[in-house]
Structure formats: C-alpha cells, structure tokens
Amino acid sequence: MIDYDSPVAPYRQVAAILRARIESGDLAPGSRLPSIATLTQEYGIARTTAGKALRLLVDEGLAEMSPGMGTFVTGKAPA
C-alpha cells in the first residue's frame, strides 16, 4: 500500500509497485496495466497521481500508452 509518511511521492510508490510486477513477470510484455480508475480504487489515490505513475513507466520505457485502449507493458528490458 501507499505510505503517505514516506518521502517518496505516492505516484512513485505506485510506479514502483507496478515496475516490480513487470520485472517479476506478473505483468508480461503485452499485458494491460491497471487503468487509472482501477489504480485510484486499489490504492486510494487521485486520478492525477495514478496518471503520473503510468506516465513514469512510459517514460522509463516499461510501458506504452495506446489512446482509447489503455497502457501496456512493452517488451523492452528496463534501462
């Protein structure tokens, strides 16, 4: 869960959780990541926080956004 007392921003905590799932193989290449709505419900975060977490994974090359379809795990290895 999210630790609001942590110096690490909540969006970075959510991104770290998703990154760990990708790296462990729980979310394989081509898998759809949880939607913003799902992340807000699951972690009790704001929509903007969930969006920032997903965008961070995209920026890292671990995911790609497909408008109208969702965010998917790429086949690329983490940098």
N, C-alpha and C. Protein backbone atom coordinates (compact mmCIF):
# COMPACT_ATOMS: atom_id res chain seq x y z
N MET A 1 0.82 -1.19 0.00
CA MET A 1 0.00 0.00 0.00
C MET A 1 0.87 1.26 0.00
N ILE A 2 0.21 2.36 -0.09
CA ILE A 2 0.90 3.64 -0.18
C ILE A 2 1.20 4.17 1.22
N ASP A 3 2.43 4.60 1.42
CA ASP A 3 2.86 5.18 2.70
C ASP A 3 2.92 6.69 2.54
N TYR A 4 1.91 7.37 3.05
CA TYR A 4 1.83 8.82 2.90
C TYR A 4 2.84 9.55 3.78
N ASP A 5 3.47 8.85 4.72
CA ASP A 5 4.50 9.46 5.55
C ASP A 5 5.89 9.33 4.92
N SER A 6 5.95 8.60 3.83
CA SER A 6 7.23 8.38 3.15
C SER A 6 7.67 9.64 2.40
N PRO A 7 8.98 9.85 2.30
CA PRO A 7 9.47 10.98 1.49
C PRO A 7 9.30 10.71 -0.02
N VAL A 8 8.98 9.46 -0.38
CA VAL A 8 8.78 9.10 -1.78
C VAL A 8 7.34 9.46 -2.16
N ALA A 9 7.18 10.22 -3.23
CA ALA A 9 5.86 10.66 -3.68
C ALA A 9 4.96 9.45 -3.97
N PRO A 10 3.66 9.57 -3.69
CA PRO A 10 2.74 8.45 -3.93
C PRO A 10 2.78 7.91 -5.36
N TYR A 11 2.89 8.79 -6.36
CA TYR A 11 2.92 8.28 -7.73
C TYR A 11 4.15 7.42 -7.98
N ARG A 12 5.27 7.78 -7.33
CA ARG A 12 6.48 6.97 -7.48
C ARG A 12 6.33 5.63 -6.75
N GLN A 13 5.60 5.61 -5.64
CA GLN A 13 5.35 4.35 -4.94
C GLN A 13 4.51 3.41 -5.79
N VAL A 14 3.47 3.96 -6.43
CA VAL A 14 2.61 3.14 -7.28
C VAL A 14 3.41 2.64 -8.48
N ALA A 15 4.21 3.52 -9.08
CA ALA A 15 5.04 3.10 -10.22
C ALA A 15 5.99 1.99 -9.80
N ALA A 16 6.54 2.08 -8.59
CA ALA A 16 7.47 1.05 -8.09
C ALA A 16 6.75 -0.29 -7.93
N ILE A 17 5.52 -0.26 -7.46
CA ILE A 17 4.74 -1.49 -7.32
C ILE A 17 4.51 -2.13 -8.68
N LEU A 18 4.10 -1.31 -9.64
CA LEU A 18 3.84 -1.83 -10.99
C LEU A 18 5.14 -2.29 -11.66
N ARG A 19 6.22 -1.54 -11.45
CA ARG A 19 7.53 -1.92 -12.00
C ARG A 19 7.95 -3.29 -11.47
N ALA A 20 7.76 -3.51 -10.18
CA ALA A 20 8.11 -4.81 -9.58
C ALA A 20 7.29 -5.93 -10.19
N ARG A 21 6.02 -5.67 -10.47
CA ARG A 21 5.16 -6.68 -11.11
C ARG A 21 5.62 -6.97 -12.53
N ILE A 22 6.10 -5.95 -13.22
CA ILE A 22 6.61 -6.14 -14.58
C ILE A 22 7.91 -6.95 -14.53
N GLU A 23 8.81 -6.55 -13.65
CA GLU A 23 10.12 -7.21 -13.56
C GLU A 23 10.01 -8.65 -13.09
N SER A 24 8.99 -8.96 -12.28
CA SER A 24 8.80 -10.33 -11.79
C SER A 24 8.14 -11.22 -12.83
N GLY A 25 7.58 -10.60 -13.88
CA GLY A 25 6.87 -11.39 -14.89
C GLY A 25 5.39 -11.51 -14.63
N ASP A 26 4.93 -10.98 -13.49
CA ASP A 26 3.50 -10.99 -13.18
C ASP A 26 2.71 -10.23 -14.25
N LEU A 27 3.31 -9.16 -14.77
CA LEU A 27 2.74 -8.42 -15.89
C LEU A 27 3.71 -8.60 -17.06
N ALA A 28 3.38 -9.51 -17.96
CA ALA A 28 4.25 -9.86 -19.08
C ALA A 28 4.14 -8.83 -20.20
N PRO A 29 5.13 -8.81 -21.11
CA PRO A 29 5.03 -7.92 -22.27
C PRO A 29 3.70 -8.12 -23.00
N GLY A 30 3.09 -7.00 -23.33
CA GLY A 30 1.78 -7.04 -23.99
C GLY A 30 0.61 -6.99 -23.03
N SER A 31 0.88 -7.21 -21.74
CA SER A 31 -0.19 -7.16 -20.74
C SER A 31 -0.67 -5.74 -20.54
N ARG A 32 -1.95 -5.62 -20.28
CA ARG A 32 -2.52 -4.31 -20.00
C ARG A 32 -2.29 -3.98 -18.53
N LEU A 33 -1.80 -2.78 -18.29
CA LEU A 33 -1.64 -2.32 -16.90
C LEU A 33 -3.00 -1.91 -16.36
N PRO A 34 -3.15 -1.88 -15.03
CA PRO A 34 -4.42 -1.42 -14.46
C PRO A 34 -4.75 -0.01 -14.94
N SER A 35 -6.03 0.24 -15.14
CA SER A 35 -6.48 1.55 -15.59
C SER A 35 -6.32 2.58 -14.47
N ILE A 36 -6.44 3.84 -14.84
CA ILE A 36 -6.38 4.91 -13.85
C ILE A 36 -7.48 4.71 -12.81
N ALA A 37 -8.68 4.36 -13.27
CA ALA A 37 -9.79 4.14 -12.34
C ALA A 37 -9.49 3.00 -11.37
N THR A 38 -8.91 1.93 -11.88
CA THR A 38 -8.56 0.79 -11.02
C THR A 38 -7.50 1.19 -10.00
N LEU A 39 -6.48 1.91 -10.45
CA LEU A 39 -5.42 2.34 -9.53
C LEU A 39 -5.97 3.26 -8.44
N THR A 40 -6.88 4.16 -8.80
CA THR A 40 -7.44 5.07 -7.79
C THR A 40 -8.20 4.29 -6.72
N GLN A 41 -8.93 3.28 -7.15
CA GLN A 41 -9.69 2.48 -6.18
C GLN A 41 -8.78 1.57 -5.36
N GLU A 42 -7.83 0.93 -6.04
CA GLU A 42 -6.96 -0.03 -5.36
C GLU A 42 -6.03 0.61 -4.34
N TYR A 43 -5.51 1.79 -4.67
CA TYR A 43 -4.52 2.44 -3.81
C TYR A 43 -5.03 3.68 -3.09
N GLY A 44 -6.27 4.08 -3.34
CA GLY A 44 -6.84 5.25 -2.67
C GLY A 44 -6.12 6.53 -3.04
N ILE A 45 -5.76 6.65 -4.31
CA ILE A 45 -5.04 7.83 -4.79
C ILE A 45 -5.90 8.62 -5.76
N ALA A 46 -5.47 9.83 -6.06
CA ALA A 46 -6.18 10.68 -7.01
C ALA A 46 -5.90 10.21 -8.44
N ARG A 47 -6.80 10.58 -9.35
CA ARG A 47 -6.63 10.24 -10.77
C ARG A 47 -5.31 10.80 -11.32
N THR A 48 -4.98 12.02 -10.92
CA THR A 48 -3.73 12.61 -11.43
C THR A 48 -2.51 11.84 -10.93
N THR A 49 -2.58 11.34 -9.71
CA THR A 49 -1.48 10.54 -9.16
C THR A 49 -1.33 9.24 -9.94
N ALA A 50 -2.45 8.59 -10.22
CA ALA A 50 -2.43 7.34 -11.00
C ALA A 50 -1.87 7.60 -12.40
N GLY A 51 -2.30 8.68 -13.02
CA GLY A 51 -1.81 9.01 -14.35
C GLY A 51 -0.32 9.28 -14.36
N LYS A 52 0.17 9.96 -13.34
CA LYS A 52 1.61 10.24 -13.24
C LYS A 52 2.40 8.94 -13.07
N ALA A 53 1.87 8.00 -12.33
CA ALA A 53 2.55 6.72 -12.14
C ALA A 53 2.67 5.98 -13.47
N LEU A 54 1.59 5.95 -14.24
CA LEU A 54 1.63 5.28 -15.54
C LEU A 54 2.57 6.00 -16.50
N ARG A 55 2.53 7.33 -16.51
CA ARG A 55 3.41 8.10 -17.39
C ARG A 55 4.89 7.89 -17.04
N LEU A 56 5.17 7.71 -15.76
CA LEU A 56 6.55 7.45 -15.34
C LEU A 56 7.04 6.13 -15.95
N LEU A 57 6.19 5.11 -15.95
CA LEU A 57 6.57 3.82 -16.54
C LEU A 57 6.75 3.95 -18.05
N VAL A 58 5.94 4.78 -18.68
CA VAL A 58 6.09 5.04 -20.12
C VAL A 58 7.43 5.73 -20.36
N ASP A 59 7.74 6.74 -19.55
CA ASP A 59 9.00 7.47 -19.69
C ASP A 59 10.20 6.55 -19.50
N GLU A 60 10.05 5.54 -18.66
CA GLU A 60 11.14 4.59 -18.41
C GLU A 60 11.24 3.53 -19.50
N GLY A 61 10.28 3.50 -20.41
CA GLY A 61 10.29 2.51 -21.49
C GLY A 61 9.70 1.18 -21.11
N LEU A 62 9.08 1.09 -19.94
CA LEU A 62 8.48 -0.17 -19.50
C LEU A 62 7.05 -0.36 -19.99
N ALA A 63 6.43 0.73 -20.43
CA ALA A 63 5.04 0.66 -20.87
C ALA A 63 4.82 1.64 -22.01
N GLU A 64 3.73 1.43 -22.72
CA GLU A 64 3.35 2.36 -23.77
C GLU A 64 1.85 2.57 -23.70
N MET A 65 1.45 3.81 -23.94
CA MET A 65 0.03 4.17 -23.91
C MET A 65 -0.54 4.08 -25.31
N SER A 66 -1.72 3.50 -25.38
CA SER A 66 -2.45 3.41 -26.63
C SER A 66 -3.78 4.13 -26.42
N PRO A 67 -3.93 5.33 -26.99
CA PRO A 67 -5.16 6.10 -26.76
C PRO A 67 -6.42 5.29 -27.02
N GLY A 68 -7.30 5.32 -26.04
CA GLY A 68 -8.55 4.61 -26.13
C GLY A 68 -8.46 3.13 -25.82
N MET A 69 -7.25 2.62 -25.67
CA MET A 69 -7.05 1.19 -25.42
C MET A 69 -6.51 0.91 -24.02
N GLY A 70 -5.62 1.76 -23.55
CA GLY A 70 -5.01 1.57 -22.24
C GLY A 70 -3.51 1.68 -22.29
N THR A 71 -2.87 1.22 -21.23
CA THR A 71 -1.42 1.26 -21.11
C THR A 71 -0.94 -0.18 -21.04
N PHE A 72 0.06 -0.50 -21.86
CA PHE A 72 0.52 -1.88 -21.97
C PHE A 72 2.00 -2.00 -21.69
N VAL A 73 2.39 -3.16 -21.15
CA VAL A 73 3.79 -3.46 -20.87
C VAL A 73 4.50 -3.65 -22.21
N THR A 74 5.65 -3.00 -22.36
CA THR A 74 6.45 -3.19 -23.57
C THR A 74 7.29 -4.45 -23.43
N GLY A 75 7.91 -4.83 -24.51
CA GLY A 75 8.79 -5.99 -24.48
C GLY A 75 10.22 -5.61 -24.17
N LYS A 76 10.44 -4.32 -23.88
CA LYS A 76 11.80 -3.84 -23.65
C LYS A 76 12.26 -4.12 -22.23
N ALA A 77 13.54 -4.38 -22.10
CA ALA A 77 14.12 -4.57 -20.77
C ALA A 77 14.30 -3.20 -20.12
N PRO A 78 14.19 -3.14 -18.79
CA PRO A 78 14.41 -1.88 -18.08
C PRO A 78 15.82 -1.37 -18.31
N ALA A 79 15.95 -0.05 -18.40
CA ALA A 79 17.26 0.55 -18.63
C ALA A 79 18.08 0.59 -17.37
